[in-house]
């Protein structure tokens, strides 16, 4: 989520960061790696008795590939991203998949420095998102997105992502009325092995539409990158096929996350 904006950077935890050393670290780092959180979680609606029909599993696969080791004009780097999110009715007979959302993208990233230290990251991307079905009943849209992430402290990252949507299908012309034009994000390392993140969206209209996703992650082993992951979703557009329906889901499972670097 929040750390997806960091994921095209190298894994440079515990390393003093200045502009020259960071550029060299990027050049040496393998270009392929984690983008957003990769997780498998399961749960049920909040306030309802769990049944085989309202409980599900949700999983996400996300990776990136940096296309340039050296800086392009204006100090940018070119990268590809891909995220796939699936909703699986794992407890029903034959365990059918409810939906899968596909989100490929391509963009430029720029490191922002202050007093010789990394202060933030700016990203500009072209993204597509759809659930891969034929034109009849299709859910898809495209966006040009800009993302700014600020390192407030060594343990707190905050960011704002805004987008200009285009290329709607006729079956979801009102999607922006639910998903809005912006996303506020924050990621806080509360303790050495405990992480908290939040993502907040507001619809384009003056109403109560929007969404909140909050996650609590506990690192299972200090030397590994696996987390016990609790996720709460409240609001609209968790999936494209049911973007007009509000949902409140609590799920628990395992996550593999991008690194949380120590920049200070």
Protein backbone atom coordinates (compact mmCIF):
# COMPACT_ATOMS: atom_id res chain seq x y z
CA UNK A 1 0.00 0.00 0.00
CA UNK A 2 1.94 3.03 1.25
CA UNK A 3 5.21 1.20 0.77
CA UNK A 4 4.35 0.52 -2.86
CA UNK A 5 5.73 3.97 -3.53
CA UNK A 6 9.04 2.83 -2.04
CA UNK A 7 9.25 -0.51 -3.72
CA UNK A 8 11.22 0.48 -6.82
CA UNK A 9 13.98 1.58 -4.43
CA UNK A 10 16.66 -0.82 -3.17
CA UNK A 11 16.51 -2.70 0.11
CA UNK A 12 18.75 -0.33 1.99
CA UNK A 13 17.64 -0.66 5.61
CA UNK A 14 20.21 0.32 8.24
CA UNK A 15 22.23 2.26 5.63
CA UNK A 16 23.07 6.00 5.97
CA UNK A 17 21.44 7.65 2.96
CA UNK A 18 22.79 10.51 0.89
CA UNK A 19 22.17 11.19 -2.79
CA UNK A 20 25.41 9.69 -4.15
CA UNK A 21 25.22 6.47 -2.08
CA UNK A 22 21.54 5.99 -2.86
CA UNK A 23 22.08 6.28 -6.62
CA UNK A 24 24.88 3.70 -6.38
CA UNK A 25 22.68 1.39 -4.29
CA UNK A 26 19.92 1.55 -6.91
CA UNK A 27 22.42 0.68 -9.65
CA UNK A 28 23.54 -2.46 -7.80
CA UNK A 29 20.11 -3.62 -6.60
CA UNK A 30 18.24 -6.38 -8.56
CA UNK A 31 15.56 -4.58 -10.59
CA UNK A 32 12.76 -7.09 -9.90
CA UNK A 33 11.02 -7.19 -6.54
CA UNK A 34 7.96 -6.56 -4.37
CA UNK A 35 5.69 -3.63 -5.25
CA UNK A 36 2.65 -3.52 -2.97
CA UNK A 37 1.99 -5.93 -0.10
CA UNK A 38 1.63 -9.58 -1.09
CA UNK A 39 -0.86 -11.29 1.21
CA UNK A 40 -3.39 -14.07 1.74
CA UNK A 41 -6.12 -13.23 4.27
CA UNK A 42 -9.54 -14.59 5.16
CA UNK A 43 -12.48 -13.27 7.13
CA UNK A 44 -16.12 -12.23 7.22
CA UNK A 45 -18.31 -9.10 7.45
CA UNK A 46 -18.17 -7.15 10.71
CA UNK A 47 -21.32 -7.43 12.80
CA UNK A 48 -22.61 -10.57 11.10
CA UNK A 49 -22.36 -14.24 12.00
CA UNK A 50 -19.76 -15.80 9.71
CA UNK A 51 -21.17 -18.36 7.26
CA UNK A 52 -19.79 -20.19 4.24
CA UNK A 53 -21.64 -17.66 2.07
CA UNK A 54 -20.42 -14.36 3.54
CA UNK A 55 -16.87 -15.37 4.53
CA UNK A 56 -14.16 -15.37 1.88
CA UNK A 57 -10.45 -15.24 1.19
CA UNK A 58 -8.71 -12.25 -0.35
CA UNK A 59 -5.21 -12.34 -1.74
CA UNK A 60 -2.93 -9.94 -3.56
CA UNK A 61 0.14 -10.51 -5.72
CA UNK A 62 2.22 -7.46 -6.59
CA UNK A 63 5.64 -6.91 -8.15
CA UNK A 64 7.69 -4.30 -9.99
CA UNK A 65 10.55 -4.19 -12.45
CA UNK A 66 12.88 -1.20 -12.65
CA UNK A 67 13.82 -0.66 -16.29
CA UNK A 68 16.76 1.71 -15.74
CA UNK A 69 19.72 1.46 -13.39
CA UNK A 70 20.90 4.96 -14.18
CA UNK A 71 18.96 8.15 -13.83
CA UNK A 72 17.01 9.49 -16.80
CA UNK A 73 16.54 13.24 -17.49
CA UNK A 74 15.33 15.20 -14.44
CA UNK A 75 16.79 12.50 -12.18
CA UNK A 76 14.01 9.97 -12.78
CA UNK A 77 13.85 6.17 -13.04
CA UNK A 78 11.54 4.17 -15.30
CA UNK A 79 9.66 1.16 -13.90
CA UNK A 80 6.83 -1.29 -14.61
CA UNK A 81 4.34 -2.47 -11.99
CA UNK A 82 1.70 -5.17 -11.76
CA UNK A 83 -0.82 -5.90 -9.00
CA UNK A 84 -3.49 -8.61 -8.99
CA UNK A 85 -6.17 -8.78 -6.29
CA UNK A 86 -8.57 -11.73 -6.01
CA UNK A 87 -11.69 -12.50 -3.97
CA UNK A 88 -12.19 -16.24 -3.45
CA UNK A 89 -15.31 -17.89 -2.03
CA UNK A 90 -13.14 -20.57 -0.56
CA UNK A 91 -15.75 -21.93 1.89
CA UNK A 92 -18.49 -22.56 -0.67
CA UNK A 93 -18.93 -25.76 -2.63
CA UNK A 94 -16.34 -25.97 -5.45
CA UNK A 95 -14.69 -22.81 -4.00
CA UNK A 96 -15.43 -20.42 -6.91
CA UNK A 97 -13.60 -17.15 -7.43
CA UNK A 98 -15.85 -14.11 -7.03
CA UNK A 99 -13.59 -11.72 -8.93
CA UNK A 100 -10.00 -10.83 -9.83
CA UNK A 101 -8.85 -7.26 -10.45
CA UNK A 102 -5.79 -6.59 -12.63
CA UNK A 103 -3.73 -3.41 -12.27
CA UNK A 104 -0.68 -3.02 -14.57
CA UNK A 105 1.17 0.29 -14.77
CA UNK A 106 4.24 2.10 -16.05
CA UNK A 107 5.80 5.25 -14.68
CA UNK A 108 8.66 7.48 -13.64
CA UNK A 109 9.98 7.91 -10.11
CA UNK A 110 12.15 10.70 -8.71
CA UNK A 111 13.98 10.89 -5.39
CA UNK A 112 13.67 14.15 -3.49
CA UNK A 113 16.52 15.26 -1.24
CA UNK A 114 16.87 17.86 1.50
CA UNK A 115 20.23 18.73 3.04
CA UNK A 116 21.76 15.70 1.35
CA UNK A 117 19.23 13.27 2.84
CA UNK A 118 16.32 11.51 1.20
CA UNK A 119 13.21 13.54 2.04
CA UNK A 120 10.52 12.14 -0.26
CA UNK A 121 9.60 10.42 -3.49
CA UNK A 122 7.53 11.64 -6.44
CA UNK A 123 5.90 9.21 -8.89
CA UNK A 124 4.04 9.71 -12.17
CA UNK A 125 2.27 6.66 -13.62
CA UNK A 126 -0.14 5.52 -16.31
CA UNK A 127 -2.30 2.72 -14.90
CA UNK A 128 -5.05 0.40 -16.09
CA UNK A 129 -7.45 -1.51 -13.86
CA UNK A 130 -10.07 -4.05 -14.89
CA UNK A 131 -11.49 -7.43 -13.96
CA UNK A 132 -10.72 -9.01 -17.31
CA UNK A 133 -14.23 -9.86 -18.48
CA UNK A 134 -15.68 -9.35 -21.98
CA UNK A 135 -17.31 -6.00 -22.90
CA UNK A 136 -20.69 -7.15 -21.64
CA UNK A 137 -20.60 -6.35 -17.94
CA UNK A 138 -17.01 -5.15 -18.08
CA UNK A 139 -15.48 -3.09 -15.29
CA UNK A 140 -12.41 -1.15 -16.34
CA UNK A 141 -10.80 2.27 -16.19
CA UNK A 142 -7.49 4.01 -16.79
CA UNK A 143 -5.77 6.80 -14.93
CA UNK A 144 -2.81 9.12 -15.02
CA UNK A 145 -1.69 9.25 -11.39
CA UNK A 146 0.74 11.40 -9.43
CA UNK A 147 2.01 10.28 -6.03
CA UNK A 148 4.05 12.16 -3.44
CA UNK A 149 5.45 10.40 -0.37
CA UNK A 150 7.02 12.32 2.52
CA UNK A 151 9.35 10.90 5.18
CA UNK A 152 8.09 12.68 8.30
CA UNK A 153 10.27 10.72 10.74
CA UNK A 154 12.20 7.47 10.69
CA UNK A 155 8.99 5.66 11.63
CA UNK A 156 6.29 7.64 9.81
CA UNK A 157 5.57 7.98 6.11
CA UNK A 158 2.64 9.98 4.72
CA UNK A 159 1.54 10.43 1.15
CA UNK A 160 -1.02 11.75 -1.28
CA UNK A 161 -1.97 10.15 -4.58
CA UNK A 162 -4.20 11.93 -7.10
CA UNK A 163 -5.35 10.75 -10.51
CA UNK A 164 -6.94 11.91 -13.75
CA UNK A 165 -9.27 9.11 -14.93
CA UNK A 166 -9.97 8.25 -18.55
CA UNK A 167 -11.16 5.34 -20.68
CA UNK A 168 -14.27 4.26 -18.80
CA UNK A 169 -16.46 1.43 -19.98
CA UNK A 170 -20.17 2.08 -20.33
CA UNK A 171 -20.88 -0.28 -17.42
CA UNK A 172 -19.05 1.81 -14.82
CA UNK A 173 -19.42 5.41 -15.97
CA UNK A 174 -20.16 6.51 -12.40
CA UNK A 175 -17.10 4.80 -10.84
CA UNK A 176 -15.48 8.12 -9.89
CA UNK A 177 -18.59 8.99 -7.89
CA UNK A 178 -17.50 6.14 -5.59
CA UNK A 179 -13.71 5.98 -5.89
CA UNK A 180 -12.97 9.71 -6.12
CA UNK A 181 -9.85 11.47 -7.39
CA UNK A 182 -7.44 11.06 -4.50
CA UNK A 183 -6.03 8.76 -1.85
CA UNK A 184 -4.42 9.68 1.46
CA UNK A 185 -1.96 7.15 2.85
CA UNK A 186 0.13 6.72 5.99
CA UNK A 187 2.49 4.07 7.28
CA UNK A 188 3.71 4.02 10.88
CA UNK A 189 6.24 1.68 12.44
CA UNK A 190 4.91 1.54 15.99
CA UNK A 191 7.64 -0.84 17.19
CA UNK A 192 10.50 -2.80 15.73
CA UNK A 193 8.20 -5.60 14.51
CA UNK A 194 4.80 -3.84 14.54
CA UNK A 195 3.55 -1.82 11.56
CA UNK A 196 0.32 0.11 11.01
CA UNK A 197 -0.93 1.47 7.70
CA UNK A 198 -4.04 3.26 6.49
CA UNK A 199 -5.51 4.23 3.12
CA UNK A 200 -8.38 6.71 2.85
CA UNK A 201 -10.40 7.62 -0.26
CA UNK A 202 -13.29 10.07 -0.69
CA UNK A 203 -15.78 10.11 -3.56
CA UNK A 204 -15.94 13.02 -6.00
CA UNK A 205 -19.32 14.18 -4.61
CA UNK A 206 -20.47 15.68 -1.30
CA UNK A 207 -21.76 12.46 0.21
CA UNK A 208 -20.61 9.68 2.52
CA UNK A 209 -19.11 7.53 -0.22
CA UNK A 210 -15.50 6.57 0.07
CA UNK A 211 -13.40 3.88 1.70
CA UNK A 212 -11.02 3.18 4.53
CA UNK A 213 -8.52 0.33 4.60
CA UNK A 214 -6.45 -0.14 7.75
CA UNK A 215 -3.83 -2.79 8.36
CA UNK A 216 -1.94 -4.03 11.40
CA UNK A 217 1.15 -6.16 10.71
CA UNK A 218 3.34 -8.07 13.15
CA UNK A 219 6.66 -9.43 11.92
CA UNK A 220 6.76 -13.12 12.72
CA UNK A 221 10.55 -13.43 12.67
CA UNK A 222 12.95 -10.51 12.98
CA UNK A 223 15.20 -12.04 10.31
CA UNK A 224 12.43 -12.79 7.79
CA UNK A 225 9.90 -10.79 5.80
CA UNK A 226 6.67 -12.55 6.81
CA UNK A 227 4.01 -10.77 8.83
CA UNK A 228 0.85 -11.75 10.63
CA UNK A 229 -1.56 -9.37 8.93
CA UNK A 230 -4.95 -8.04 10.07
CA UNK A 231 -6.88 -5.94 7.53
CA UNK A 232 -10.09 -3.95 7.97
CA UNK A 233 -12.00 -2.62 4.96
CA UNK A 234 -14.93 -0.20 5.29
CA UNK A 235 -16.69 1.49 2.36
CA UNK A 236 -17.11 1.25 -1.38
CA UNK A 237 -15.00 -0.09 -4.30
CA UNK A 238 -13.14 -2.90 -2.57
CA UNK A 239 -13.77 -4.80 -5.81
CA UNK A 240 -14.70 -3.46 -9.23
CA UNK A 241 -17.65 -5.75 -9.86
CA UNK A 242 -19.42 -4.52 -6.69
CA UNK A 243 -18.09 -0.96 -6.56
CA UNK A 244 -21.57 0.42 -5.86
CA UNK A 245 -22.00 -1.73 -2.75
CA UNK A 246 -20.67 -0.81 0.67
CA UNK A 247 -18.82 -3.51 2.59
CA UNK A 248 -17.27 -3.90 6.02
CA UNK A 249 -14.79 -6.79 6.18
CA UNK A 250 -12.26 -7.96 8.77
CA UNK A 251 -9.68 -10.47 7.53
CA UNK A 252 -6.57 -12.12 9.01
CA UNK A 253 -3.68 -13.90 7.35
CA UNK A 254 -0.08 -13.69 6.19
CA UNK A 255 1.67 -10.87 4.31
CA UNK A 256 5.03 -10.33 2.63
CA UNK A 257 5.84 -6.63 2.55
CA UNK A 258 8.26 -4.25 0.84
CA UNK A 259 11.11 -3.11 3.10
CA UNK A 260 10.66 -0.26 5.56
CA UNK A 261 14.03 1.51 5.27
CA UNK A 262 15.76 3.45 8.05
CA UNK A 263 16.49 6.82 6.48
CA UNK A 264 17.48 8.74 9.62
